[in-house]
Amino acid sequence: MEVIVEDRNGELTKYEVSELSELFTKLGDEMKIDALCGGCCSCATCHVYTDESDAMYLSDCDDSERDVLEGLLHVRSGSRLLCQLGLKEELKTLKITIAQSE
């Protein structure tokens, strides 16, 4: 799958990954996404904005993710935690924007 990531400076980078979890290593090194909780939906350091055109291919935001997002300052339409994001197989390219640090 192709993932297009817009960093905090507006620059786009394309990644080829077989699983979304591969992005954490790449983004941690290059774009400083910490993922401190290890995917437990508690730290929000993997906060991203998803593109509206991808919404039908993404898992629903559950209550625990919604609770974490509600405590953030930079929430907007499409806000998700990358560690909680599930994708449908039909999605071939995902576009995300790294949210501002909290």
PDB file of N, CA and C in Angstrom:
ATOM      1  N   MET A   1       0.829  -1.168   0.000  1.00  0.00           N
ATOM      2  CA  MET A   1       0.000   0.000   0.000  1.00  0.00           C
ATOM      3  C   MET A   1       0.884   1.245   0.000  1.00  0.00           C
ATOM      4  N   GLU A   2       0.418   2.260  -0.670  1.00  0.00           N
ATOM      5  CA  GLU A   2       1.136   3.532  -0.688  1.00  0.00           C
ATOM      6  C   GLU A   2       0.520   4.451   0.363  1.00  0.00           C
ATOM      7  N   VAL A   3       1.381   5.105   1.128  1.00  0.00           N
ATOM      8  CA  VAL A   3       0.941   6.098   2.105  1.00  0.00           C
ATOM      9  C   VAL A   3       1.667   7.393   1.786  1.00  0.00           C
ATOM     10  N   ILE A   4       0.885   8.439   1.614  1.00  0.00           N
ATOM     11  CA  ILE A   4       1.448   9.774   1.379  1.00  0.00           C
ATOM     12  C   ILE A   4       1.310  10.547   2.681  1.00  0.00           C
ATOM     13  N   VAL A   5       2.435  10.991   3.196  1.00  0.00           N
ATOM     14  CA  VAL A   5       2.461  11.674   4.486  1.00  0.00           C
ATOM     15  C   VAL A   5       2.879  13.120   4.279  1.00  0.00           C
ATOM     16  N   GLU A   6       2.055  14.015   4.790  1.00  0.00           N
ATOM     17  CA  GLU A   6       2.411  15.436   4.810  1.00  0.00           C
ATOM     18  C   GLU A   6       2.943  15.755   6.189  1.00  0.00           C
ATOM     19  N   ASP A   7       4.178  16.232   6.258  1.00  0.00           N
ATOM     20  CA  ASP A   7       4.769  16.526   7.560  1.00  0.00           C
ATOM     21  C   ASP A   7       4.308  17.887   8.077  1.00  0.00           C
ATOM     22  N   ARG A   8       4.823  18.257   9.217  1.00  0.00           N
ATOM     23  CA  ARG A   8       4.404  19.515   9.861  1.00  0.00           C
ATOM     24  C   ARG A   8       4.858  20.758   9.101  1.00  0.00           C
ATOM     25  N   ASN A   9       5.754  20.583   8.132  1.00  0.00           N
ATOM     26  CA  ASN A   9       6.209  21.697   7.304  1.00  0.00           C
ATOM     27  C   ASN A   9       5.515  21.727   5.949  1.00  0.00           C
ATOM     28  N   GLY A  10       4.578  20.823   5.726  1.00  0.00           N
ATOM     29  CA  GLY A  10       3.840  20.789   4.473  1.00  0.00           C
ATOM     30  C   GLY A  10       4.503  19.989   3.367  1.00  0.00           C
ATOM     31  N   GLU A  11       5.607  19.309   3.682  1.00  0.00           N
ATOM     32  CA  GLU A  11       6.298  18.503   2.676  1.00  0.00           C
ATOM     33  C   GLU A  11       5.691  17.113   2.599  1.00  0.00           C
ATOM     34  N   LEU A  12       5.563  16.583   1.379  1.00  0.00           N
ATOM     35  CA  LEU A  12       4.980  15.267   1.154  1.00  0.00           C
ATOM     36  C   LEU A  12       6.068  14.223   0.946  1.00  0.00           C
ATOM     37  N   THR A  13       5.860  13.053   1.560  1.00  0.00           N
ATOM     38  CA  THR A  13       6.741  11.917   1.389  1.00  0.00           C
ATOM     39  C   THR A  13       5.875  10.689   1.145  1.00  0.00           C
ATOM     40  N   LYS A  14       6.273   9.859   0.167  1.00  0.00           N
ATOM     41  CA  LYS A  14       5.539   8.634  -0.133  1.00  0.00           C
ATOM     42  C   LYS A  14       6.272   7.444   0.476  1.00  0.00           C
ATOM     43  N   TYR A  15       5.485   6.533   1.030  1.00  0.00           N
ATOM     44  CA  TYR A  15       6.019   5.302   1.600  1.00  0.00           C
ATOM     45  C   TYR A  15       5.260   4.122   1.012  1.00  0.00           C
ATOM     46  N   GLU A  16       5.955   3.036   0.796  1.00  0.00           N
ATOM     47  CA  GLU A  16       5.335   1.764   0.434  1.00  0.00           C
ATOM     48  C   GLU A  16       5.420   0.876   1.669  1.00  0.00           C
ATOM     49  N   VAL A  17       4.278   0.418   2.161  1.00  0.00           N
ATOM     50  CA  VAL A  17       4.244  -0.438   3.343  1.00  0.00           C
ATOM     51  C   VAL A  17       3.293  -1.602   3.096  1.00  0.00           C
ATOM     52  N   SER A  18       3.571  -2.718   3.725  1.00  0.00           N
ATOM     53  CA  SER A  18       2.653  -3.843   3.625  1.00  0.00           C
ATOM     54  C   SER A  18       1.620  -3.780   4.743  1.00  0.00           C
ATOM     55  N   GLU A  19       1.977  -3.140   5.852  1.00  0.00           N
ATOM     56  CA  GLU A  19       1.067  -2.932   6.978  1.00  0.00           C
ATOM     57  C   GLU A  19       1.230  -1.512   7.487  1.00  0.00           C
ATOM     58  N   LEU A  20       0.158  -0.960   7.974  1.00  0.00           N
ATOM     59  CA  LEU A  20       0.200   0.407   8.483  1.00  0.00           C
ATOM     60  C   LEU A  20       1.166   0.537   9.657  1.00  0.00           C
ATOM     61  N   SER A  21       1.323  -0.524  10.427  1.00  0.00           N
ATOM     62  CA  SER A  21       2.227  -0.472  11.583  1.00  0.00           C
ATOM     63  C   SER A  21       3.678  -0.192  11.181  1.00  0.00           C
ATOM     64  N   GLU A  22       4.054  -0.496   9.948  1.00  0.00           N
ATOM     65  CA  GLU A  22       5.409  -0.201   9.473  1.00  0.00           C
ATOM     66  C   GLU A  22       5.699   1.293   9.479  1.00  0.00           C
ATOM     67  N   LEU A  23       4.660   2.087   9.396  1.00  0.00           N
ATOM     68  CA  LEU A  23       4.847   3.544   9.360  1.00  0.00           C
ATOM     69  C   LEU A  23       5.437   4.091  10.652  1.00  0.00           C
ATOM     70  N   PHE A  24       5.152   3.450  11.783  1.00  0.00           N
ATOM     71  CA  PHE A  24       5.630   3.987  13.050  1.00  0.00           C
ATOM     72  C   PHE A  24       7.143   4.104  13.086  1.00  0.00           C
ATOM     73  N   THR A  25       7.835   3.100  12.607  1.00  0.00           N
ATOM     74  CA  THR A  25       9.296   3.163  12.582  1.00  0.00           C
ATOM     75  C   THR A  25       9.768   4.260  11.649  1.00  0.00           C
ATOM     76  N   LYS A  26       9.207   4.293  10.459  1.00  0.00           N
ATOM     77  CA  LYS A  26       9.622   5.287   9.475  1.00  0.00           C
ATOM     78  C   LYS A  26       9.281   6.701   9.932  1.00  0.00           C
ATOM     79  N   LEU A  27       8.091   6.895  10.442  1.00  0.00           N
ATOM     80  CA  LEU A  27       7.686   8.234  10.862  1.00  0.00           C
ATOM     81  C   LEU A  27       8.365   8.647  12.157  1.00  0.00           C
ATOM     82  N   GLY A  28       8.650   7.700  13.012  1.00  0.00           N
ATOM     83  CA  GLY A  28       9.359   8.031  14.245  1.00  0.00           C
ATOM     84  C   GLY A  28      10.741   8.575  13.970  1.00  0.00           C
ATOM     85  N   ASP A  29      11.422   7.973  13.020  1.00  0.00           N
ATOM     86  CA  ASP A  29      12.770   8.414  12.682  1.00  0.00           C
ATOM     87  C   ASP A  29      12.768   9.721  11.899  1.00  0.00           C
ATOM     88  N   GLU A  30      11.885   9.827  10.921  1.00  0.00           N
ATOM     89  CA  GLU A  30      11.918  10.958  10.002  1.00  0.00           C
ATOM     90  C   GLU A  30      11.047  12.142  10.413  1.00  0.00           C
ATOM     91  N   MET A  31       9.933  11.871  11.066  1.00  0.00           N
ATOM     92  CA  MET A  31       8.978  12.951  11.339  1.00  0.00           C
ATOM     93  C   MET A  31       8.663  13.110  12.808  1.00  0.00           C
ATOM     94  N   LYS A  32       9.369  12.390  13.620  1.00  0.00           N
ATOM     95  CA  LYS A  32       9.281  12.543  15.068  1.00  0.00           C
ATOM     96  C   LYS A  32       7.903  12.220  15.642  1.00  0.00           C
ATOM     97  N   ILE A  33       7.282  11.156  15.128  1.00  0.00           N
ATOM     98  CA  ILE A  33       6.093  10.619  15.788  1.00  0.00           C
ATOM     99  C   ILE A  33       6.613   9.647  16.830  1.00  0.00           C
ATOM    100  N   ASP A  34       6.320   9.911  18.088  1.00  0.00           N
ATOM    101  CA  ASP A  34       6.901   9.124  19.169  1.00  0.00           C
ATOM    102  C   ASP A  34       6.179   7.808  19.440  1.00  0.00           C
ATOM    103  N   ALA A  35       4.856   7.793  19.333  1.00  0.00           N
ATOM    104  CA  ALA A  35       4.066   6.594  19.652  1.00  0.00           C
ATOM    105  C   ALA A  35       4.489   6.037  21.010  1.00  0.00           C
ATOM    106  N   LEU A  36       4.498   6.884  21.996  1.00  0.00           N
ATOM    107  CA  LEU A  36       5.004   6.545  23.326  1.00  0.00           C
ATOM    108  C   LEU A  36       4.264   5.396  23.992  1.00  0.00           C
ATOM    109  N   CYS A  37       2.968   5.262  23.741  1.00  0.00           N
ATOM    110  CA  CYS A  37       2.196   4.231  24.424  1.00  0.00           C
ATOM    111  C   CYS A  37       2.277   2.879  23.729  1.00  0.00           C
ATOM    112  N   GLY A  38       2.957   2.820  22.598  1.00  0.00           N
ATOM    113  CA  GLY A  38       3.108   1.553  21.893  1.00  0.00           C
ATOM    114  C   GLY A  38       1.835   1.047  21.252  1.00  0.00           C
ATOM    115  N   GLY A  39       0.917   1.941  20.953  1.00  0.00           N
ATOM    116  CA  GLY A  39      -0.325   1.550  20.278  1.00  0.00           C
ATOM    117  C   GLY A  39      -1.484   1.268  21.211  1.00  0.00           C
ATOM    118  N   CYS A  40      -1.386   1.698  22.459  1.00  0.00           N
ATOM    119  CA  CYS A  40      -2.431   1.423  23.453  1.00  0.00           C
ATOM    120  C   CYS A  40      -3.515   2.496  23.529  1.00  0.00           C
ATOM    121  N   CYS A  41      -3.472   3.459  22.634  1.00  0.00           N
ATOM    122  CA  CYS A  41      -4.500   4.506  22.579  1.00  0.00           C
ATOM    123  C   CYS A  41      -4.532   5.346  23.850  1.00  0.00           C
ATOM    124  N   SER A  42      -3.356   5.785  24.301  1.00  0.00           N
ATOM    125  CA  SER A  42      -3.357   6.579  25.528  1.00  0.00           C
ATOM    126  C   SER A  42      -2.497   7.831  25.487  1.00  0.00           C
ATOM    127  N   CYS A  43      -1.614   7.979  24.479  1.00  0.00           N
ATOM    128  CA  CYS A  43      -0.690   9.121  24.544  1.00  0.00           C
ATOM    129  C   CYS A  43      -0.953  10.186  23.476  1.00  0.00           C
ATOM    130  N   ALA A  44      -1.586   9.837  22.390  1.00  0.00           N
ATOM    131  CA  ALA A  44      -1.914  10.756  21.297  1.00  0.00           C
ATOM    132  C   ALA A  44      -0.703  11.324  20.571  1.00  0.00           C
ATOM    133  N   THR A  45       0.478  10.725  20.745  1.00  0.00           N
ATOM    134  CA  THR A  45       1.652  11.213  20.021  1.00  0.00           C
ATOM    135  C   THR A  45       1.649  10.762  18.563  1.00  0.00           C
ATOM    136  N   CYS A  46       0.667   9.953  18.164  1.00  0.00           N
ATOM    137  CA  CYS A  46       0.539   9.539  16.767  1.00  0.00           C
ATOM    138  C   CYS A  46      -0.687  10.184  16.115  1.00  0.00           C
ATOM    139  N   HIS A  47      -1.079  11.347  16.621  1.00  0.00           N
ATOM    140  CA  HIS A  47      -2.236  12.080  16.093  1.00  0.00           C
ATOM    141  C   HIS A  47      -1.966  12.520  14.660  1.00  0.00           C
ATOM    142  N   VAL A  48      -2.874  12.145  13.767  1.00  0.00           N
ATOM    143  CA  VAL A  48      -2.785  12.519  12.357  1.00  0.00           C
ATOM    144  C   VAL A  48      -4.148  13.002  11.884  1.00  0.00           C
ATOM    145  N   TYR A  49      -4.136  13.654  10.744  1.00  0.00           N
ATOM    146  CA  TYR A  49      -5.372  14.035  10.065  1.00  0.00           C
ATOM    147  C   TYR A  49      -5.491  13.175   8.825  1.00  0.00           C
ATOM    148  N   THR A  50      -6.636  12.553   8.657  1.00  0.00           N
ATOM    149  CA  THR A  50      -6.882  11.745   7.473  1.00  0.00           C
ATOM    150  C   THR A  50      -7.645  12.569   6.461  1.00  0.00           C
ATOM    151  N   ASP A  51      -7.491  12.211   5.216  1.00  0.00           N
ATOM    152  CA  ASP A  51      -8.165  12.901   4.123  1.00  0.00           C
ATOM    153  C   ASP A  51      -9.622  12.456   4.065  1.00  0.00           C
ATOM    154  N   GLU A  52     -10.528  13.400   3.871  1.00  0.00           N
ATOM    155  CA  GLU A  52     -11.958  13.078   3.831  1.00  0.00           C
ATOM    156  C   GLU A  52     -12.301  12.068   2.745  1.00  0.00           C
ATOM    157  N   SER A  53     -11.571  12.080   1.642  1.00  0.00           N
ATOM    158  CA  SER A  53     -11.863  11.156   0.550  1.00  0.00           C
ATOM    159  C   SER A  53     -11.550   9.702   0.925  1.00  0.00           C
ATOM    160  N   ASP A  54     -10.801   9.480   2.005  1.00  0.00           N
ATOM    161  CA  ASP A  54     -10.476   8.128   2.457  1.00  0.00           C
ATOM    162  C   ASP A  54     -11.422   7.622   3.544  1.00  0.00           C
ATOM    163  N   ALA A  55     -12.314   8.449   4.029  1.00  0.00           N
ATOM    164  CA  ALA A  55     -13.134   8.124   5.196  1.00  0.00           C
ATOM    165  C   ALA A  55     -13.875   6.792   5.075  1.00  0.00           C
ATOM    166  N   MET A  56     -14.408   6.476   3.915  1.00  0.00           N
ATOM    167  CA  MET A  56     -15.187   5.243   3.779  1.00  0.00           C
ATOM    168  C   MET A  56     -14.311   3.988   3.834  1.00  0.00           C
ATOM    169  N   TYR A  57     -12.995   4.151   3.744  1.00  0.00           N
ATOM    170  CA  TYR A  57     -12.069   3.027   3.789  1.00  0.00           C
ATOM    171  C   TYR A  57     -11.416   2.843   5.154  1.00  0.00           C
ATOM    172  N   LEU A  58     -11.770   3.690   6.110  1.00  0.00           N
ATOM    173  CA  LEU A  58     -11.150   3.666   7.435  1.00  0.00           C
ATOM    174  C   LEU A  58     -12.087   3.058   8.467  1.00  0.00           C
ATOM    175  N   SER A  59     -11.501   2.432   9.478  1.00  0.00           N
ATOM    176  CA  SER A  59     -12.299   1.924  10.589  1.00  0.00           C
ATOM    177  C   SER A  59     -12.952   3.098  11.319  1.00  0.00           C
ATOM    178  N   ASP A  60     -14.026   2.797  12.019  1.00  0.00           N
ATOM    179  CA  ASP A  60     -14.692   3.823  12.806  1.00  0.00           C
ATOM    180  C   ASP A  60     -13.853   4.167  14.031  1.00  0.00           C
ATOM    181  N   CYS A  61     -13.993   5.379  14.468  1.00  0.00           N
ATOM    182  CA  CYS A  61     -13.327   5.847  15.683  1.00  0.00           C
ATOM    183  C   CYS A  61     -14.124   5.308  16.875  1.00  0.00           C
ATOM    184  N   ASP A  62     -13.493   4.495  17.735  1.00  0.00           N
ATOM    185  CA  ASP A  62     -14.227   3.951  18.874  1.00  0.00           C
ATOM    186  C   ASP A  62     -14.182   4.920  20.055  1.00  0.00           C
ATOM    187  N   ASP A  63     -14.884   4.563  21.132  1.00  0.00           N
ATOM    188  CA  ASP A  63     -15.009   5.459  22.287  1.00  0.00           C
ATOM    189  C   ASP A  63     -13.672   5.806  22.924  1.00  0.00           C
ATOM    190  N   SER A  64     -12.770   4.832  23.041  1.00  0.00           N
ATOM    191  CA  SER A  64     -11.484   5.125  23.691  1.00  0.00           C
ATOM    192  C   SER A  64     -10.649   6.095  22.851  1.00  0.00           C
ATOM    193  N   GLU A  65     -10.656   5.915  21.536  1.00  0.00           N
ATOM    194  CA  GLU A  65      -9.933   6.845  20.669  1.00  0.00           C
ATOM    195  C   GLU A  65     -10.571   8.230  20.728  1.00  0.00           C
ATOM    196  N   ARG A  66     -11.886   8.268  20.692  1.00  0.00           N
ATOM    197  CA  ARG A  66     -12.606   9.536  20.751  1.00  0.00           C
ATOM    198  C   ARG A  66     -12.294  10.278  22.058  1.00  0.00           C
ATOM    199  N   ASP A  67     -12.218   9.535  23.167  1.00  0.00           N
ATOM    200  CA  ASP A  67     -11.893  10.149  24.465  1.00  0.00           C
ATOM    201  C   ASP A  67     -10.512  10.795  24.445  1.00  0.00           C
ATOM    202  N   VAL A  68      -9.531  10.114  23.861  1.00  0.00           N
ATOM    203  CA  VAL A  68      -8.175  10.665  23.777  1.00  0.00           C
ATOM    204  C   VAL A  68      -8.170  11.908  22.887  1.00  0.00           C
ATOM    205  N   LEU A  69      -8.829  11.826  21.749  1.00  0.00           N
ATOM    206  CA  LEU A  69      -8.864  12.960  20.817  1.00  0.00           C
ATOM    207  C   LEU A  69      -9.537  14.188  21.431  1.00  0.00           C
ATOM    208  N   GLU A  70     -10.559  13.965  22.245  1.00  0.00           N
ATOM    209  CA  GLU A  70     -11.271  15.095  22.866  1.00  0.00           C
ATOM    210  C   GLU A  70     -10.378  15.917  23.782  1.00  0.00           C
ATOM    211  N   GLY A  71      -9.295  15.327  24.283  1.00  0.00           N
ATOM    212  CA  GLY A  71      -8.389  16.046  25.177  1.00  0.00           C
ATOM    213  C   GLY A  71      -7.294  16.817  24.464  1.00  0.00           C
ATOM    214  N   LEU A  72      -7.303  16.819  23.138  1.00  0.00           N
ATOM    215  CA  LEU A  72      -6.244  17.480  22.372  1.00  0.00           C
ATOM    216  C   LEU A  72      -6.655  18.884  21.931  1.00  0.00           C
ATOM    217  N   LEU A  73      -5.664  19.730  21.743  1.00  0.00           N
ATOM    218  CA  LEU A  73      -5.913  21.105  21.314  1.00  0.00           C
ATOM    219  C   LEU A  73      -6.099  21.245  19.808  1.00  0.00           C
ATOM    220  N   HIS A  74      -5.445  20.378  19.034  1.00  0.00           N
ATOM    221  CA  HIS A  74      -5.394  20.546  17.582  1.00  0.00           C
ATOM    222  C   HIS A  74      -6.281  19.561  16.830  1.00  0.00           C
ATOM    223  N   VAL A  75      -7.419  19.217  17.413  1.00  0.00           N
ATOM    224  CA  VAL A  75      -8.352  18.291  16.773  1.00  0.00           C
ATOM    225  C   VAL A  75      -9.121  19.028  15.684  1.00  0.00           C
ATOM    226  N   ARG A  76      -9.319  18.322  14.567  1.00  0.00           N
ATOM    227  CA  ARG A  76     -10.127  18.870  13.487  1.00  0.00           C
ATOM    228  C   ARG A  76     -10.786  17.703  12.751  1.00  0.00           C
ATOM    229  N   SER A  77     -11.544  18.001  11.763  1.00  0.00           N
ATOM    230  CA  SER A  77     -12.180  16.961  10.971  1.00  0.00           C
ATOM    231  C   SER A  77     -11.109  16.019  10.432  1.00  0.00           C
ATOM    232  N   GLY A  78     -11.322  14.736  10.575  1.00  0.00           N
ATOM    233  CA  GLY A  78     -10.350  13.759  10.105  1.00  0.00           C
ATOM    234  C   GLY A  78      -9.279  13.403  11.116  1.00  0.00           C
ATOM    235  N   SER A  79      -9.346  13.960  12.325  1.00  0.00           N
ATOM    236  CA  SER A  79      -8.366  13.617  13.360  1.00  0.00           C
ATOM    237  C   SER A  79      -8.511  12.153  13.741  1.00  0.00           C
ATOM    238  N   ARG A  80      -7.375  11.456  13.764  1.00  0.00           N
ATOM    239  CA  ARG A  80      -7.347  10.053  14.183  1.00  0.00           C
ATOM    240  C   ARG A  80      -6.014   9.779  14.867  1.00  0.00           C
ATOM    241  N   LEU A  81      -5.980   8.699  15.620  1.00  0.00           N
ATOM    242  CA  LEU A  81      -4.734   8.197  16.170  1.00  0.00           C
ATOM    243  C   LEU A  81      -4.262   7.102  15.235  1.00  0.00           C
ATOM    244  N   LEU A  82      -3.076   7.257  14.706  1.00  0.00           N
ATOM    245  CA  LEU A  82      -2.565   6.307  13.726  1.00  0.00           C
ATOM    246  C   LEU A  82      -2.542   4.884  14.281  1.00  0.00           C
ATOM    247  N   CYS A  83      -2.281   4.746  15.571  1.00  0.00           N
ATOM    248  CA  CYS A  83      -2.224   3.410  16.175  1.00  0.00           C
ATOM    249  C   CYS A  83      -3.577   2.722  16.203  1.00  0.00           C
ATOM    250  N   GLN A  84      -4.648   3.463  16.042  1.00  0.00           N
ATOM    251  CA  GLN A  84      -5.996   2.887  16.095  1.00  0.00           C
ATOM    252  C   GLN A  84      -6.650   2.779  14.725  1.00  0.00           C
ATOM    253  N   LEU A  85      -5.960   3.219  13.714  1.00  0.00           N
ATOM    254  CA  LEU A  85      -6.528   3.288  12.375  1.00  0.00           C
ATOM    255  C   LEU A  85      -6.529   1.924  11.695  1.00  0.00           C
ATOM    256  N   GLY A  86      -7.710   1.486  11.334  1.00  0.00           N
ATOM    257  CA  GLY A  86      -7.854   0.265  10.558  1.00  0.00           C
ATOM    258  C   GLY A  86      -8.242   0.641   9.137  1.00  0.00           C
ATOM    259  N   LEU A  87      -7.739  -0.120   8.172  1.00  0.00           N
ATOM    260  CA  LEU A  87      -7.976   0.190   6.763  1.00  0.00           C
ATOM    261  C   LEU A  87      -8.669  -0.972   6.075  1.00  0.00           C
ATOM    262  N   LYS A  88      -9.565  -0.653   5.164  1.00  0.00           N
ATOM    263  CA  LYS A  88     -10.177  -1.684   4.333  1.00  0.00           C
ATOM    264  C   LYS A  88      -9.242  -1.999   3.179  1.00  0.00           C
ATOM    265  N   GLU A  89      -9.298  -3.233   2.718  1.00  0.00           N
ATOM    266  CA  GLU A  89      -8.399  -3.688   1.656  1.00  0.00           C
ATOM    267  C   GLU A  89      -8.528  -2.880   0.366  1.00  0.00           C
ATOM    268  N   GLU A  90      -9.689  -2.316   0.126  1.00  0.00           N
ATOM    269  CA  GLU A  90      -9.917  -1.575  -1.113  1.00  0.00           C
ATOM    270  C   GLU A  90      -9.083  -0.300  -1.209  1.00  0.00           C
ATOM    271  N   LEU A  91      -8.607   0.188  -0.082  1.00  0.00           N
ATOM    272  CA  LEU A  91      -7.810   1.418  -0.071  1.00  0.00           C
ATOM    273  C   LEU A  91      -6.409   1.118  -0.590  1.00  0.00           C
ATOM    274  N   LYS A  92      -6.041   1.756  -1.662  1.00  0.00           N
ATOM    275  CA  LYS A  92      -4.727   1.533  -2.272  1.00  0.00           C
ATOM    276  C   LYS A  92      -3.715   2.603  -1.872  1.00  0.00           C
ATOM    277  N   THR A  93      -4.202   3.831  -1.629  1.00  0.00           N
ATOM    278  CA  THR A  93      -3.337   4.939  -1.231  1.00  0.00           C
ATOM    279  C   THR A  93      -3.998   5.683  -0.081  1.00  0.00           C
ATOM    280  N   LEU A  94      -3.277   5.858   0.989  1.00  0.00           N
ATOM    281  CA  LEU A  94      -3.754   6.595   2.155  1.00  0.00           C
ATOM    282  C   LEU A  94      -2.977   7.892   2.242  1.00  0.00           C
ATOM    283  N   LYS A  95      -3.685   8.989   2.472  1.00  0.00           N
ATOM    284  CA  LYS A  95      -3.020  10.275   2.680  1.00  0.00           C
ATOM    285  C   LYS A  95      -3.273  10.713   4.110  1.00  0.00           C
ATOM    286  N   ILE A  96      -2.197  11.008   4.833  1.00  0.00           N
ATOM    287  CA  ILE A  96      -2.318  11.524   6.194  1.00  0.00           C
ATOM    288  C   ILE A  96      -1.441  12.756   6.355  1.00  0.00           C
ATOM    289  N   THR A  97      -1.834  13.595   7.285  1.00  0.00           N
ATOM    290  CA  THR A  97      -1.061  14.770   7.654  1.00  0.00           C
ATOM    291  C   THR A  97      -0.699  14.642   9.130  1.00  0.00           C
ATOM    292  N   ILE A  98       0.553  14.832   9.460  1.00  0.00           N
ATOM    293  CA  ILE A  98       0.990  14.766  10.853  1.00  0.00           C
ATOM    294  C   ILE A  98       0.461  15.993  11.583  1.00  0.00           C
ATOM    295  N   ALA A  99      -0.242  15.748  12.693  1.00  0.00           N
ATOM    296  CA  ALA A  99      -0.804  16.852  13.477  1.00  0.00           C
ATOM    297  C   ALA A  99       0.297  17.575  14.256  1.00  0.00           C
ATOM    298  N   GLN A 100      -0.003  18.791  14.644  1.00  0.00           N
ATOM    299  CA  GLN A 100       0.932  19.557  15.463  1.00  0.00           C
ATOM    300  C   GLN A 100       1.163  18.837  16.786  1.00  0.00           C
ATOM    301  N   SER A 101       2.336  18.989  17.349  1.00  0.00           N
ATOM    302  CA  SER A 101       2.629  18.407  18.668  1.00  0.00           C
ATOM    303  C   SER A 101       1.766  19.092  19.710  1.00  0.00           C
ATOM    304  N   GLU A 102       1.386  18.328  20.690  1.00  0.00           N
ATOM    305  CA  GLU A 102       0.564  18.869  21.788  1.00  0.00           C
ATOM    306  C   GLU A 102       1.459  19.360  22.911  1.00  0.00           C
TER     307      GLU A 102
END
